[in-house]
Protein backbone atom coordinates (compact mmCIF):
# COMPACT_ATOMS: atom_id res chain seq x y z
CA MET A 1 25.08 14.25 -98.46
CA SER A 2 27.65 12.19 -100.29
CA ALA A 3 24.96 9.88 -101.70
CA ILE A 4 22.99 12.84 -103.07
CA ARG A 5 26.10 14.18 -104.77
CA PHE A 6 26.85 10.73 -106.19
CA PHE A 7 23.37 10.36 -107.70
CA PHE A 8 23.49 13.89 -109.06
CA LEU A 9 26.81 13.24 -110.78
CA LEU A 10 25.54 9.86 -112.02
CA PHE A 11 22.55 11.52 -113.68
CA VAL A 12 24.80 14.20 -115.18
CA PHE A 13 27.04 11.49 -116.62
CA ILE A 14 24.06 9.56 -118.01
CA GLY A 15 22.76 12.76 -119.59
CA ILE A 16 26.10 13.49 -121.24
CA VAL A 17 26.35 9.94 -122.61
CA ALA A 18 22.77 10.11 -123.90
CA ALA A 19 23.42 13.46 -125.60
CA CYS A 20 26.54 12.08 -127.29
CA ALA A 21 24.62 9.02 -128.46
CA VAL A 22 21.89 11.21 -129.94
CA ALA A 23 24.49 13.36 -131.72
CA ILE A 24 26.18 10.30 -133.20
CA LEU A 25 22.88 8.75 -134.29
CA LEU A 26 21.77 12.02 -135.86
CA SER A 27 25.07 12.26 -137.74
CA VAL A 28 24.65 8.73 -139.10
CA LEU A 29 21.03 9.46 -140.01
CA MET A 30 22.06 12.64 -141.84
CA LEU A 31 24.54 10.66 -143.93
CA ARG A 32 22.00 7.97 -144.81
CA VAL A 33 18.87 10.10 -145.39
CA LEU A 34 19.37 13.26 -147.43
CA PRO A 35 16.19 15.12 -146.31
CA VAL A 36 17.41 15.03 -142.69
CA LEU A 37 20.66 16.69 -143.77
CA ILE A 38 18.70 19.33 -145.67
CA LEU A 39 16.49 19.97 -142.61
CA VAL A 40 19.48 20.36 -140.29
CA VAL A 41 21.24 22.76 -142.65
CA LEU A 42 18.03 24.74 -143.14
CA SER A 43 17.43 24.97 -139.40
CA CYS A 44 21.00 26.22 -138.86
CA VAL A 45 20.49 28.88 -141.54
CA VAL A 46 17.20 30.02 -139.96
CA PHE A 47 18.81 30.09 -136.50
CA TRP A 48 21.74 32.15 -137.85
CA TRP A 49 19.27 34.51 -139.56
CA LEU A 50 17.33 35.00 -136.31
CA LEU A 51 20.55 35.69 -134.40
CA LYS A 52 21.63 38.18 -137.04
CA LYS A 53 18.26 39.91 -136.88
CA ALA A 54 18.51 40.10 -133.08
CA GLY A 55 22.00 41.62 -133.35
CA THR A 56 23.79 38.81 -131.50
CA ALA A 57 25.27 36.89 -134.46
CA LEU A 58 28.96 36.12 -134.53
CA PRO A 59 30.92 37.55 -137.44
CA PRO A 60 31.68 34.96 -140.14
CA GLY A 61 35.09 33.38 -140.09
């Protein structure tokens, strides 16, 4: 049982590290390539608009 828990936590740790690496690489890519930055901002605006339309958006501020 301890080995199963160890492998589970190992995969969780690897997933967290991979997600952080992707976030850092995407941030660097956004700074180097302007269309990627525009796409990310546009996708955030569309997501906010969909949340607002669904009535679950957070108030600004």
